[in-house]
N, C-alpha and C. Protein backbone atom coordinates (compact mmCIF):
# COMPACT_ATOMS: atom_id res chain seq x y z
N MET A 1 -13.43 -11.95 8.90
CA MET A 1 -12.00 -11.71 8.70
C MET A 1 -11.20 -12.30 9.85
N PRO A 2 -11.13 -13.62 9.94
CA PRO A 2 -10.39 -14.21 11.04
C PRO A 2 -8.92 -13.84 10.99
N CYS A 3 -8.31 -13.82 12.14
CA CYS A 3 -6.90 -13.44 12.26
C CYS A 3 -6.05 -14.68 12.40
N ARG A 4 -4.96 -14.76 11.64
CA ARG A 4 -4.00 -15.82 11.85
C ARG A 4 -3.28 -15.58 13.17
N PRO A 5 -2.88 -16.65 13.86
CA PRO A 5 -2.09 -16.44 15.07
C PRO A 5 -0.85 -15.62 14.78
N LEU A 6 -0.54 -14.67 15.65
CA LEU A 6 0.62 -13.82 15.44
C LEU A 6 1.89 -14.63 15.39
N SER A 7 1.95 -15.73 16.14
CA SER A 7 3.15 -16.56 16.13
C SER A 7 3.39 -17.15 14.76
N LEU A 8 2.31 -17.52 14.04
CA LEU A 8 2.47 -18.07 12.71
C LEU A 8 3.03 -17.02 11.77
N LEU A 9 2.51 -15.79 11.85
CA LEU A 9 3.04 -14.74 10.99
C LEU A 9 4.50 -14.50 11.30
N ALA A 10 4.87 -14.53 12.57
CA ALA A 10 6.27 -14.31 12.92
C ALA A 10 7.16 -15.37 12.30
N VAL A 11 6.68 -16.62 12.28
CA VAL A 11 7.46 -17.69 11.67
C VAL A 11 7.61 -17.45 10.18
N LEU A 12 6.48 -17.05 9.54
CA LEU A 12 6.53 -16.81 8.10
C LEU A 12 7.49 -15.68 7.76
N LEU A 13 7.40 -14.58 8.51
CA LEU A 13 8.25 -13.44 8.22
C LEU A 13 9.71 -13.72 8.58
N ALA A 14 9.93 -14.52 9.61
CA ALA A 14 11.30 -14.82 9.99
C ALA A 14 12.04 -15.55 8.88
N GLY A 15 11.30 -16.34 8.10
CA GLY A 15 11.94 -17.07 7.03
C GLY A 15 12.32 -16.22 5.85
N VAL A 16 11.60 -15.11 5.65
CA VAL A 16 11.86 -14.29 4.47
C VAL A 16 12.48 -12.95 4.81
N LEU A 17 12.46 -12.57 6.09
CA LEU A 17 13.01 -11.28 6.48
C LEU A 17 14.02 -11.43 7.61
N PRO A 18 15.04 -12.30 7.46
CA PRO A 18 15.97 -12.49 8.56
C PRO A 18 16.71 -11.23 8.94
N ALA A 19 16.87 -10.31 8.00
CA ALA A 19 17.63 -9.10 8.31
C ALA A 19 16.87 -8.18 9.26
N LEU A 20 15.54 -8.41 9.39
CA LEU A 20 14.75 -7.54 10.25
C LEU A 20 14.71 -8.03 11.69
N ALA A 21 15.20 -9.23 11.92
CA ALA A 21 15.06 -9.83 13.24
C ALA A 21 15.88 -9.17 14.33
N PRO A 22 17.16 -8.79 14.09
CA PRO A 22 17.95 -8.25 15.19
C PRO A 22 17.33 -6.98 15.77
N ALA A 23 17.42 -6.86 17.09
CA ALA A 23 16.83 -5.70 17.75
C ALA A 23 17.49 -4.40 17.32
N HIS A 24 18.76 -4.48 16.90
CA HIS A 24 19.48 -3.27 16.55
C HIS A 24 19.30 -2.90 15.08
N ALA A 25 18.52 -3.68 14.33
CA ALA A 25 18.36 -3.40 12.91
C ALA A 25 17.70 -2.03 12.71
N ALA A 26 18.06 -1.39 11.60
CA ALA A 26 17.46 -0.09 11.28
C ALA A 26 15.96 -0.27 11.05
N PRO A 27 15.14 0.70 11.43
CA PRO A 27 13.70 0.57 11.23
C PRO A 27 13.35 0.53 9.74
N ILE A 28 12.26 -0.15 9.45
CA ILE A 28 11.72 -0.18 8.09
C ILE A 28 11.05 1.17 7.84
N ARG A 29 11.33 1.77 6.70
CA ARG A 29 10.84 3.11 6.45
C ARG A 29 9.82 3.11 5.31
N PHE A 30 8.73 3.84 5.53
CA PHE A 30 7.70 4.03 4.52
C PHE A 30 7.66 5.49 4.10
N ALA A 31 7.24 5.73 2.87
CA ALA A 31 7.15 7.10 2.38
C ALA A 31 5.86 7.31 1.61
N ARG A 32 5.40 8.53 1.62
CA ARG A 32 4.28 8.96 0.79
C ARG A 32 4.86 9.68 -0.42
N LEU A 33 4.34 9.38 -1.59
CA LEU A 33 4.87 9.98 -2.81
C LEU A 33 4.19 11.32 -3.09
N ARG A 34 5.04 12.33 -3.23
CA ARG A 34 4.55 13.64 -3.68
C ARG A 34 4.68 13.69 -5.19
N TYR A 35 3.56 13.64 -5.87
CA TYR A 35 3.55 13.51 -7.33
C TYR A 35 3.04 14.79 -7.97
N GLY A 36 3.26 14.91 -9.26
CA GLY A 36 2.78 16.05 -10.02
C GLY A 36 1.44 15.75 -10.67
N GLY A 37 0.87 16.76 -11.30
CA GLY A 37 -0.38 16.61 -12.02
C GLY A 37 -1.54 17.33 -11.40
N GLY A 38 -1.42 17.75 -10.13
CA GLY A 38 -2.48 18.52 -9.50
C GLY A 38 -3.30 17.79 -8.46
N GLY A 39 -3.14 16.48 -8.34
CA GLY A 39 -3.89 15.74 -7.32
C GLY A 39 -3.38 16.03 -5.92
N ASP A 40 -4.24 15.84 -4.92
CA ASP A 40 -3.86 16.14 -3.54
C ASP A 40 -3.14 14.93 -2.93
N TRP A 41 -1.86 14.84 -3.23
CA TRP A 41 -1.04 13.72 -2.77
C TRP A 41 -0.99 13.64 -1.24
N TYR A 42 -1.29 14.75 -0.58
CA TYR A 42 -1.20 14.87 0.88
C TYR A 42 -2.50 14.48 1.58
N ALA A 43 -3.48 13.95 0.85
CA ALA A 43 -4.78 13.63 1.43
C ALA A 43 -4.65 12.61 2.56
N ASN A 44 -5.63 12.62 3.45
CA ASN A 44 -5.70 11.67 4.57
C ASN A 44 -4.43 11.69 5.43
N PRO A 45 -4.12 12.81 6.05
CA PRO A 45 -2.85 12.95 6.76
C PRO A 45 -2.69 12.04 7.98
N THR A 46 -3.80 11.59 8.58
CA THR A 46 -3.66 10.72 9.76
C THR A 46 -3.62 9.24 9.39
N SER A 47 -3.77 8.93 8.11
CA SER A 47 -3.93 7.52 7.71
C SER A 47 -2.67 6.70 7.92
N LEU A 48 -1.55 7.11 7.36
CA LEU A 48 -0.33 6.30 7.47
C LEU A 48 0.18 6.21 8.90
N PRO A 49 0.18 7.28 9.69
CA PRO A 49 0.59 7.10 11.09
C PRO A 49 -0.22 6.04 11.82
N ASN A 50 -1.53 6.01 11.58
CA ASN A 50 -2.36 5.00 12.24
C ASN A 50 -2.06 3.60 11.72
N LEU A 51 -1.85 3.48 10.42
CA LEU A 51 -1.53 2.17 9.86
C LEU A 51 -0.17 1.68 10.35
N ILE A 52 0.79 2.58 10.44
CA ILE A 52 2.11 2.21 10.94
C ILE A 52 2.02 1.68 12.37
N GLN A 53 1.24 2.35 13.19
CA GLN A 53 1.05 1.88 14.56
C GLN A 53 0.44 0.49 14.58
N ALA A 54 -0.52 0.25 13.69
CA ALA A 54 -1.15 -1.08 13.63
C ALA A 54 -0.14 -2.13 13.19
N ALA A 55 0.71 -1.81 12.23
CA ALA A 55 1.72 -2.76 11.77
C ALA A 55 2.72 -3.08 12.87
N ARG A 56 3.05 -2.09 13.66
CA ARG A 56 3.99 -2.31 14.76
C ARG A 56 3.38 -3.17 15.86
N SER A 57 2.15 -2.85 16.24
CA SER A 57 1.55 -3.54 17.39
C SER A 57 0.99 -4.90 17.03
N ARG A 58 0.45 -5.05 15.82
CA ARG A 58 -0.23 -6.29 15.47
C ARG A 58 0.71 -7.31 14.82
N ALA A 59 1.63 -6.84 14.00
CA ALA A 59 2.52 -7.76 13.29
C ALA A 59 3.93 -7.74 13.86
N GLY A 60 4.18 -6.88 14.84
CA GLY A 60 5.50 -6.83 15.46
C GLY A 60 6.59 -6.36 14.52
N LEU A 61 6.24 -5.54 13.54
CA LEU A 61 7.22 -5.07 12.56
C LEU A 61 7.92 -3.81 13.05
N GLY A 62 9.22 -3.73 12.81
CA GLY A 62 10.01 -2.58 13.23
C GLY A 62 9.91 -1.44 12.25
N VAL A 63 8.71 -0.90 12.11
CA VAL A 63 8.47 0.17 11.16
C VAL A 63 8.73 1.51 11.84
N ALA A 64 9.43 2.40 11.16
CA ALA A 64 9.67 3.73 11.70
C ALA A 64 8.35 4.41 12.00
N LEU A 65 8.30 5.13 13.12
CA LEU A 65 7.04 5.71 13.58
C LEU A 65 6.50 6.78 12.64
N ARG A 66 7.37 7.46 11.93
CA ARG A 66 6.93 8.55 11.06
C ARG A 66 7.08 8.16 9.61
N GLU A 67 6.09 8.54 8.81
CA GLU A 67 6.23 8.43 7.36
C GLU A 67 7.10 9.58 6.87
N ASP A 68 7.75 9.38 5.76
CA ASP A 68 8.48 10.45 5.09
C ASP A 68 7.74 10.82 3.81
N THR A 69 8.13 11.93 3.22
CA THR A 69 7.61 12.34 1.92
C THR A 69 8.76 12.28 0.92
N VAL A 70 8.50 11.69 -0.23
CA VAL A 70 9.54 11.53 -1.23
C VAL A 70 8.99 11.95 -2.59
N THR A 71 9.85 12.47 -3.43
CA THR A 71 9.50 12.77 -4.81
C THR A 71 10.35 11.89 -5.72
N LEU A 72 10.02 11.90 -6.98
CA LEU A 72 10.80 11.14 -7.96
C LEU A 72 11.85 12.02 -8.63
N ALA A 73 12.03 13.22 -8.11
CA ALA A 73 13.04 14.10 -8.68
C ALA A 73 14.44 13.73 -8.22
N ASP A 74 14.53 12.96 -7.13
CA ASP A 74 15.84 12.46 -6.69
C ASP A 74 15.70 10.96 -6.46
N ARG A 75 16.73 10.35 -5.92
CA ARG A 75 16.74 8.89 -5.78
C ARG A 75 16.52 8.45 -4.34
N ARG A 76 15.95 9.31 -3.51
CA ARG A 76 15.69 8.91 -2.13
C ARG A 76 14.65 7.81 -2.04
N ILE A 77 13.87 7.61 -3.09
CA ILE A 77 12.85 6.57 -3.07
C ILE A 77 13.46 5.21 -2.78
N PHE A 78 14.73 5.02 -3.16
CA PHE A 78 15.37 3.72 -2.96
C PHE A 78 15.68 3.45 -1.49
N ASP A 79 15.49 4.43 -0.64
CA ASP A 79 15.69 4.23 0.80
C ASP A 79 14.48 3.60 1.47
N TYR A 80 13.38 3.41 0.74
CA TYR A 80 12.12 3.02 1.37
C TYR A 80 11.66 1.64 0.89
N ALA A 81 11.19 0.84 1.85
CA ALA A 81 10.69 -0.49 1.53
C ALA A 81 9.36 -0.44 0.81
N MET A 82 8.60 0.62 1.07
CA MET A 82 7.25 0.71 0.52
C MET A 82 6.89 2.18 0.35
N VAL A 83 6.23 2.49 -0.74
CA VAL A 83 5.81 3.86 -1.02
C VAL A 83 4.30 3.86 -1.25
N PHE A 84 3.64 4.87 -0.69
CA PHE A 84 2.18 4.96 -0.71
C PHE A 84 1.75 6.17 -1.52
N VAL A 85 0.66 5.99 -2.28
CA VAL A 85 0.09 7.06 -3.09
C VAL A 85 -1.42 7.09 -2.86
N THR A 86 -1.95 8.29 -2.69
CA THR A 86 -3.40 8.46 -2.67
C THR A 86 -3.72 9.85 -3.21
N GLY A 87 -5.00 10.18 -3.21
CA GLY A 87 -5.41 11.52 -3.63
C GLY A 87 -6.63 11.49 -4.52
N HIS A 88 -7.15 12.69 -4.77
CA HIS A 88 -8.23 12.91 -5.72
C HIS A 88 -7.62 13.64 -6.91
N GLY A 89 -8.18 13.48 -8.06
CA GLY A 89 -7.70 14.27 -9.19
C GLY A 89 -6.64 13.57 -9.99
N ARG A 90 -5.69 14.35 -10.49
CA ARG A 90 -4.78 13.87 -11.53
C ARG A 90 -3.39 13.60 -10.98
N ILE A 91 -2.79 12.51 -11.48
CA ILE A 91 -1.40 12.19 -11.18
C ILE A 91 -0.65 12.05 -12.51
N SER A 92 0.56 12.59 -12.56
CA SER A 92 1.35 12.46 -13.78
C SER A 92 2.83 12.43 -13.42
N PHE A 93 3.62 11.80 -14.30
CA PHE A 93 5.07 11.71 -14.13
C PHE A 93 5.74 12.24 -15.38
N THR A 94 6.87 12.90 -15.19
CA THR A 94 7.72 13.21 -16.33
C THR A 94 8.41 11.92 -16.78
N ALA A 95 9.04 11.97 -17.93
CA ALA A 95 9.76 10.78 -18.42
C ALA A 95 10.85 10.37 -17.45
N ALA A 96 11.55 11.36 -16.88
CA ALA A 96 12.62 11.05 -15.93
C ALA A 96 12.05 10.44 -14.65
N GLU A 97 10.92 10.96 -14.17
CA GLU A 97 10.30 10.41 -12.96
C GLU A 97 9.80 8.99 -13.20
N ALA A 98 9.21 8.75 -14.35
CA ALA A 98 8.75 7.40 -14.68
C ALA A 98 9.90 6.42 -14.70
N ALA A 99 11.05 6.85 -15.20
CA ALA A 99 12.23 5.97 -15.24
C ALA A 99 12.72 5.63 -13.84
N VAL A 100 12.69 6.61 -12.94
CA VAL A 100 13.12 6.35 -11.55
C VAL A 100 12.16 5.38 -10.88
N LEU A 101 10.86 5.59 -11.05
CA LEU A 101 9.89 4.70 -10.43
C LEU A 101 9.99 3.29 -11.02
N ARG A 102 10.21 3.19 -12.32
CA ARG A 102 10.39 1.88 -12.94
C ARG A 102 11.57 1.14 -12.33
N GLU A 103 12.67 1.84 -12.17
CA GLU A 103 13.86 1.21 -11.59
C GLU A 103 13.61 0.77 -10.16
N TYR A 104 12.94 1.61 -9.39
CA TYR A 104 12.62 1.28 -7.99
C TYR A 104 11.80 0.00 -7.92
N LEU A 105 10.77 -0.10 -8.74
CA LEU A 105 9.88 -1.25 -8.69
C LEU A 105 10.58 -2.53 -9.16
N LEU A 106 11.33 -2.43 -10.22
CA LEU A 106 11.97 -3.63 -10.76
C LEU A 106 13.14 -4.10 -9.90
N GLN A 107 13.66 -3.22 -9.06
CA GLN A 107 14.76 -3.60 -8.18
C GLN A 107 14.28 -4.05 -6.80
N GLY A 108 12.97 -4.19 -6.62
CA GLY A 108 12.47 -4.74 -5.37
C GLY A 108 11.55 -3.85 -4.59
N GLY A 109 11.28 -2.64 -5.06
CA GLY A 109 10.39 -1.73 -4.34
C GLY A 109 8.92 -2.13 -4.48
N PHE A 110 8.08 -1.52 -3.65
CA PHE A 110 6.65 -1.83 -3.64
C PHE A 110 5.87 -0.53 -3.55
N LEU A 111 4.87 -0.39 -4.39
CA LEU A 111 4.02 0.80 -4.43
C LEU A 111 2.58 0.40 -4.15
N HIS A 112 1.97 1.04 -3.14
CA HIS A 112 0.54 0.86 -2.91
C HIS A 112 -0.16 2.16 -3.27
N VAL A 113 -1.11 2.06 -4.18
CA VAL A 113 -1.90 3.21 -4.61
C VAL A 113 -3.34 2.97 -4.19
N ASP A 114 -3.89 3.92 -3.43
CA ASP A 114 -5.28 3.83 -2.98
C ASP A 114 -6.05 5.00 -3.59
N ASP A 115 -6.93 4.68 -4.51
CA ASP A 115 -7.72 5.73 -5.16
C ASP A 115 -8.67 6.35 -4.15
N ASN A 116 -8.51 7.64 -3.93
CA ASN A 116 -9.36 8.37 -2.99
C ASN A 116 -10.53 9.03 -3.69
N TYR A 117 -10.83 8.54 -4.88
CA TYR A 117 -11.91 8.97 -5.75
C TYR A 117 -11.42 10.04 -6.74
N GLY A 118 -11.33 9.64 -7.98
CA GLY A 118 -10.95 10.57 -9.03
C GLY A 118 -9.56 10.37 -9.58
N LEU A 119 -8.79 9.45 -9.01
CA LEU A 119 -7.41 9.25 -9.43
C LEU A 119 -7.28 8.22 -10.56
N ASP A 120 -8.31 7.44 -10.78
CA ASP A 120 -8.19 6.21 -11.57
C ASP A 120 -7.65 6.42 -12.98
N ALA A 121 -8.29 7.28 -13.75
CA ALA A 121 -7.91 7.40 -15.17
C ALA A 121 -6.48 7.88 -15.33
N SER A 122 -6.09 8.90 -14.58
CA SER A 122 -4.73 9.43 -14.73
C SER A 122 -3.70 8.46 -14.17
N PHE A 123 -4.05 7.72 -13.11
CA PHE A 123 -3.12 6.74 -12.56
C PHE A 123 -2.84 5.64 -13.59
N ARG A 124 -3.86 5.16 -14.24
CA ARG A 124 -3.66 4.10 -15.23
C ARG A 124 -2.77 4.59 -16.38
N ARG A 125 -2.98 5.83 -16.81
CA ARG A 125 -2.10 6.38 -17.85
C ARG A 125 -0.67 6.48 -17.36
N ALA A 126 -0.49 6.94 -16.13
CA ALA A 126 0.85 7.10 -15.58
C ALA A 126 1.57 5.76 -15.48
N MET A 127 0.87 4.72 -15.04
CA MET A 127 1.52 3.43 -14.90
C MET A 127 1.83 2.79 -16.23
N SER A 128 1.04 3.09 -17.26
CA SER A 128 1.37 2.58 -18.59
C SER A 128 2.65 3.22 -19.11
N GLN A 129 2.97 4.39 -18.59
CA GLN A 129 4.24 5.06 -18.92
C GLN A 129 5.38 4.44 -18.13
N VAL A 130 5.12 4.09 -16.88
CA VAL A 130 6.17 3.53 -16.02
C VAL A 130 6.51 2.11 -16.42
N LEU A 131 5.50 1.28 -16.59
CA LEU A 131 5.72 -0.14 -16.90
C LEU A 131 4.81 -0.53 -18.07
N PRO A 132 5.15 -0.10 -19.27
CA PRO A 132 4.26 -0.32 -20.41
C PRO A 132 4.03 -1.79 -20.75
N ASP A 133 4.95 -2.66 -20.36
CA ASP A 133 4.81 -4.09 -20.67
C ASP A 133 4.25 -4.89 -19.50
N HIS A 134 3.78 -4.21 -18.47
CA HIS A 134 3.27 -4.87 -17.28
C HIS A 134 1.88 -4.32 -16.98
N PRO A 135 0.82 -4.96 -17.47
CA PRO A 135 -0.53 -4.41 -17.29
C PRO A 135 -1.04 -4.59 -15.86
N LEU A 136 -1.96 -3.72 -15.48
CA LEU A 136 -2.71 -3.89 -14.25
C LEU A 136 -3.71 -5.03 -14.44
N THR A 137 -3.68 -6.00 -13.55
CA THR A 137 -4.63 -7.10 -13.63
C THR A 137 -5.28 -7.29 -12.26
N GLU A 138 -6.54 -7.68 -12.26
CA GLU A 138 -7.21 -7.89 -10.99
C GLU A 138 -6.69 -9.16 -10.33
N LEU A 139 -6.34 -9.05 -9.06
CA LEU A 139 -5.80 -10.19 -8.33
C LEU A 139 -6.94 -11.09 -7.88
N PRO A 140 -6.76 -12.41 -7.97
CA PRO A 140 -7.81 -13.32 -7.48
C PRO A 140 -7.91 -13.26 -5.97
N PHE A 141 -9.06 -13.64 -5.45
CA PHE A 141 -9.25 -13.62 -4.00
C PHE A 141 -8.36 -14.63 -3.29
N THR A 142 -7.77 -15.55 -4.05
CA THR A 142 -6.84 -16.51 -3.46
C THR A 142 -5.43 -15.95 -3.30
N HIS A 143 -5.19 -14.75 -3.78
CA HIS A 143 -3.83 -14.20 -3.72
C HIS A 143 -3.39 -14.03 -2.27
N PRO A 144 -2.11 -14.24 -1.99
CA PRO A 144 -1.61 -14.15 -0.60
C PRO A 144 -1.86 -12.81 0.07
N ILE A 145 -2.02 -11.74 -0.68
CA ILE A 145 -2.23 -10.43 -0.05
C ILE A 145 -3.54 -10.42 0.76
N TYR A 146 -4.47 -11.30 0.40
CA TYR A 146 -5.74 -11.39 1.12
C TYR A 146 -5.72 -12.46 2.22
N HIS A 147 -4.58 -13.10 2.39
CA HIS A 147 -4.50 -14.22 3.35
C HIS A 147 -3.20 -14.13 4.13
N GLY A 148 -2.99 -12.99 4.75
CA GLY A 148 -1.79 -12.78 5.55
C GLY A 148 -2.12 -12.95 7.02
N LEU A 149 -1.84 -11.92 7.80
CA LEU A 149 -2.21 -11.96 9.21
C LEU A 149 -3.73 -12.06 9.36
N TYR A 150 -4.45 -11.46 8.43
CA TYR A 150 -5.91 -11.50 8.45
C TYR A 150 -6.43 -12.12 7.15
N GLU A 151 -7.56 -12.78 7.26
CA GLU A 151 -8.18 -13.44 6.12
C GLU A 151 -9.27 -12.55 5.51
N PHE A 152 -9.16 -12.36 4.19
CA PHE A 152 -10.17 -11.64 3.42
C PHE A 152 -10.58 -12.52 2.24
N PRO A 153 -11.40 -13.54 2.48
CA PRO A 153 -11.73 -14.49 1.42
C PRO A 153 -12.52 -13.88 0.26
N ALA A 154 -13.13 -12.72 0.48
CA ALA A 154 -13.88 -12.05 -0.59
C ALA A 154 -13.14 -10.82 -1.11
N GLY A 155 -11.85 -10.73 -0.85
CA GLY A 155 -11.07 -9.60 -1.36
C GLY A 155 -11.19 -8.36 -0.49
N LEU A 156 -10.96 -7.22 -1.09
CA LEU A 156 -10.91 -5.96 -0.35
C LEU A 156 -12.23 -5.64 0.34
N PRO A 157 -12.16 -5.07 1.54
CA PRO A 157 -13.39 -4.56 2.18
C PRO A 157 -13.81 -3.24 1.55
N LYS A 158 -15.08 -2.97 1.58
CA LYS A 158 -15.60 -1.70 1.07
C LYS A 158 -15.71 -0.73 2.24
N ILE A 159 -14.95 0.37 2.17
CA ILE A 159 -14.93 1.33 3.27
C ILE A 159 -15.88 2.50 2.99
N HIS A 160 -15.75 3.12 1.82
CA HIS A 160 -16.65 4.22 1.45
C HIS A 160 -17.26 3.95 0.08
N GLU A 161 -18.45 4.44 -0.10
CA GLU A 161 -19.17 4.26 -1.37
C GLU A 161 -18.88 5.44 -2.29
N HIS A 162 -18.40 5.14 -3.50
CA HIS A 162 -18.20 6.18 -4.50
C HIS A 162 -18.90 5.81 -5.81
N HIS A 163 -18.41 4.73 -6.44
CA HIS A 163 -18.91 4.36 -7.75
C HIS A 163 -20.06 3.37 -7.69
N GLY A 164 -20.32 2.79 -6.54
CA GLY A 164 -21.22 1.67 -6.48
C GLY A 164 -20.50 0.40 -6.88
N GLY A 165 -21.06 -0.71 -6.51
CA GLY A 165 -20.44 -1.98 -6.86
C GLY A 165 -19.30 -2.32 -5.91
N PRO A 166 -18.66 -3.46 -6.15
CA PRO A 166 -17.64 -3.95 -5.24
C PRO A 166 -16.31 -3.22 -5.41
N PRO A 167 -15.44 -3.30 -4.41
CA PRO A 167 -14.08 -2.80 -4.57
C PRO A 167 -13.26 -3.76 -5.43
N HIS A 168 -12.13 -3.26 -5.90
CA HIS A 168 -11.26 -4.08 -6.74
C HIS A 168 -9.81 -3.90 -6.31
N GLY A 169 -9.09 -5.00 -6.29
CA GLY A 169 -7.66 -4.97 -6.00
C GLY A 169 -6.87 -5.39 -7.22
N TYR A 170 -6.13 -4.46 -7.80
CA TYR A 170 -5.36 -4.74 -9.00
C TYR A 170 -3.87 -4.81 -8.66
N GLY A 171 -3.15 -5.57 -9.44
CA GLY A 171 -1.71 -5.65 -9.25
C GLY A 171 -0.97 -5.53 -10.55
N ILE A 172 0.26 -5.06 -10.46
CA ILE A 172 1.23 -5.16 -11.55
C ILE A 172 2.30 -6.12 -11.07
N LEU A 173 2.52 -7.17 -11.85
CA LEU A 173 3.45 -8.22 -11.46
C LEU A 173 4.72 -8.15 -12.28
N HIS A 174 5.82 -8.45 -11.62
CA HIS A 174 7.12 -8.58 -12.27
C HIS A 174 7.80 -9.82 -11.71
N GLN A 175 8.06 -10.78 -12.59
CA GLN A 175 8.69 -12.04 -12.19
C GLN A 175 7.93 -12.70 -11.04
N GLY A 176 6.61 -12.68 -11.13
CA GLY A 176 5.77 -13.34 -10.14
C GLY A 176 5.51 -12.54 -8.88
N ARG A 177 6.11 -11.38 -8.74
CA ARG A 177 5.96 -10.55 -7.54
C ARG A 177 5.08 -9.36 -7.85
N VAL A 178 4.13 -9.07 -6.98
CA VAL A 178 3.34 -7.86 -7.12
C VAL A 178 4.21 -6.67 -6.73
N VAL A 179 4.45 -5.78 -7.67
CA VAL A 179 5.27 -4.60 -7.39
C VAL A 179 4.41 -3.36 -7.19
N VAL A 180 3.19 -3.40 -7.71
CA VAL A 180 2.22 -2.32 -7.50
C VAL A 180 0.90 -2.96 -7.08
N PHE A 181 0.34 -2.50 -5.97
CA PHE A 181 -1.00 -2.92 -5.57
C PHE A 181 -1.89 -1.69 -5.61
N TYR A 182 -3.00 -1.81 -6.33
CA TYR A 182 -3.91 -0.69 -6.53
C TYR A 182 -5.27 -1.04 -5.96
N SER A 183 -5.65 -0.36 -4.89
CA SER A 183 -6.96 -0.58 -4.27
C SER A 183 -7.92 0.49 -4.81
N TYR A 184 -8.99 0.01 -5.43
CA TYR A 184 -9.91 0.89 -6.16
C TYR A 184 -11.34 0.68 -5.68
N ASN A 185 -12.07 1.78 -5.56
CA ASN A 185 -13.47 1.77 -5.17
C ASN A 185 -13.66 1.21 -3.76
N THR A 186 -12.73 1.58 -2.88
CA THR A 186 -12.82 1.13 -1.49
C THR A 186 -12.47 2.23 -0.50
N ASP A 187 -11.45 3.05 -0.81
CA ASP A 187 -11.01 4.11 0.12
C ASP A 187 -10.42 3.54 1.40
N LEU A 188 -9.50 2.61 1.27
CA LEU A 188 -8.85 2.05 2.45
C LEU A 188 -8.26 3.12 3.34
N SER A 189 -7.57 4.09 2.73
CA SER A 189 -6.86 5.08 3.54
C SER A 189 -7.80 6.01 4.29
N ASP A 190 -9.04 6.17 3.81
CA ASP A 190 -10.04 6.88 4.62
C ASP A 190 -10.31 6.10 5.90
N GLY A 191 -10.36 4.78 5.78
CA GLY A 191 -10.60 3.95 6.95
C GLY A 191 -9.46 3.92 7.94
N TRP A 192 -8.26 4.27 7.49
CA TRP A 192 -7.11 4.32 8.41
C TRP A 192 -7.07 5.62 9.20
N GLU A 193 -7.82 6.60 8.76
CA GLU A 193 -7.74 7.90 9.43
C GLU A 193 -8.30 7.84 10.86
N ALA A 194 -8.01 8.88 11.61
CA ALA A 194 -8.50 8.97 12.99
C ALA A 194 -10.02 8.85 12.99
N PRO A 195 -10.59 8.22 14.03
CA PRO A 195 -12.03 7.95 14.03
C PRO A 195 -12.91 9.18 13.86
N ASP A 196 -12.44 10.35 14.31
CA ASP A 196 -13.29 11.54 14.24
C ASP A 196 -13.22 12.25 12.89
N VAL A 197 -12.45 11.72 11.94
CA VAL A 197 -12.34 12.37 10.63
C VAL A 197 -13.55 12.03 9.77
N HIS A 198 -13.81 10.73 9.59
CA HIS A 198 -14.92 10.31 8.73
C HIS A 198 -16.07 9.67 9.52
N HIS A 199 -15.84 9.44 10.82
CA HIS A 199 -16.86 8.84 11.67
C HIS A 199 -17.33 7.49 11.13
N ASP A 200 -16.39 6.71 10.61
CA ASP A 200 -16.72 5.37 10.14
C ASP A 200 -17.06 4.46 11.31
N PRO A 201 -17.96 3.51 11.11
CA PRO A 201 -18.23 2.54 12.17
C PRO A 201 -16.95 1.80 12.55
N PRO A 202 -16.81 1.42 13.80
CA PRO A 202 -15.58 0.74 14.24
C PRO A 202 -15.25 -0.51 13.44
N ASP A 203 -16.26 -1.29 13.03
CA ASP A 203 -15.96 -2.52 12.30
C ASP A 203 -15.41 -2.22 10.92
N ARG A 204 -15.88 -1.13 10.30
CA ARG A 204 -15.37 -0.77 8.98
C ARG A 204 -13.94 -0.24 9.08
N ARG A 205 -13.69 0.56 10.08
CA ARG A 205 -12.33 1.06 10.28
C ARG A 205 -11.37 -0.08 10.60
N GLU A 206 -11.83 -1.03 11.39
CA GLU A 206 -11.01 -2.19 11.72
C GLU A 206 -10.70 -3.01 10.47
N ALA A 207 -11.68 -3.18 9.59
CA ALA A 207 -11.44 -3.91 8.34
C ALA A 207 -10.38 -3.22 7.50
N ALA A 208 -10.44 -1.90 7.43
CA ALA A 208 -9.45 -1.15 6.66
C ALA A 208 -8.05 -1.33 7.24
N LEU A 209 -7.92 -1.24 8.55
CA LEU A 209 -6.61 -1.41 9.18
C LEU A 209 -6.08 -2.82 8.99
N ARG A 210 -6.96 -3.81 9.11
CA ARG A 210 -6.52 -5.19 8.91
C ARG A 210 -6.00 -5.41 7.49
N MET A 211 -6.73 -4.86 6.51
CA MET A 211 -6.26 -5.01 5.13
C MET A 211 -4.95 -4.27 4.92
N GLY A 212 -4.81 -3.12 5.53
CA GLY A 212 -3.55 -2.38 5.42
C GLY A 212 -2.38 -3.15 5.99
N VAL A 213 -2.59 -3.80 7.12
CA VAL A 213 -1.53 -4.62 7.71
C VAL A 213 -1.18 -5.78 6.78
N ASN A 214 -2.18 -6.39 6.16
CA ASN A 214 -1.91 -7.44 5.19
C ASN A 214 -1.05 -6.94 4.03
N ILE A 215 -1.36 -5.75 3.55
CA ILE A 215 -0.59 -5.18 2.42
C ILE A 215 0.87 -4.99 2.84
N ILE A 216 1.08 -4.45 4.03
CA ILE A 216 2.45 -4.21 4.49
C ILE A 216 3.20 -5.52 4.65
N THR A 217 2.59 -6.50 5.29
CA THR A 217 3.30 -7.77 5.51
C THR A 217 3.58 -8.48 4.20
N TYR A 218 2.64 -8.37 3.24
CA TYR A 218 2.92 -8.95 1.93
C TYR A 218 4.09 -8.25 1.26
N ALA A 219 4.07 -6.92 1.27
CA ALA A 219 5.14 -6.16 0.61
C ALA A 219 6.51 -6.54 1.19
N LEU A 220 6.60 -6.65 2.50
CA LEU A 220 7.88 -6.93 3.13
C LEU A 220 8.31 -8.38 2.94
N SER A 221 7.35 -9.26 2.77
CA SER A 221 7.70 -10.67 2.59
C SER A 221 8.24 -10.95 1.20
N GLN A 222 8.09 -9.99 0.28
CA GLN A 222 8.56 -10.20 -1.07
C GLN A 222 9.98 -9.73 -1.29
């Protein structure tokens, strides 16, 4: 997983994110989605803080230090550049919630969903409700999300073993832009957690953080 020079990434981001360049610009804000259905939306509590720190230090992004929690019952989701979902078990949306999420995604928002084992079937049903005309498709290894600050020529790294077999990275595209990235059979967010939570080897945890930084830089570049 070679790393692109940070200066190159800065040049790339400067061309697409000029509003983020001024020192006085408001910080980029990320949120975790609190969803219905019974799944543990709050899983992996140390994951996003660690990933945010990595995005700040490695990519030089002005990301707010704290994640927020957002629901689809109001329109605060539109305040966030990127929204994260994880958990075990079931996820579901009401018709009104699905409409809000659809509007957020089609107006430029980005959703990263990391299956923490057990979310897959209900997530796919929920997304067919949100974007029925936009199927989940597996992204090729040539997709830019795998070739950002860090190179992943074989796609997603495998962090934890659940189903066996390789991990998969799926996307929902709208007008050529990935609006939903779904990491499946990998447990990226487990790898972002504090080292003493899962006791992952350092190289595996590093791979997870690198892929997370790629996801963030891709989301913001769109």
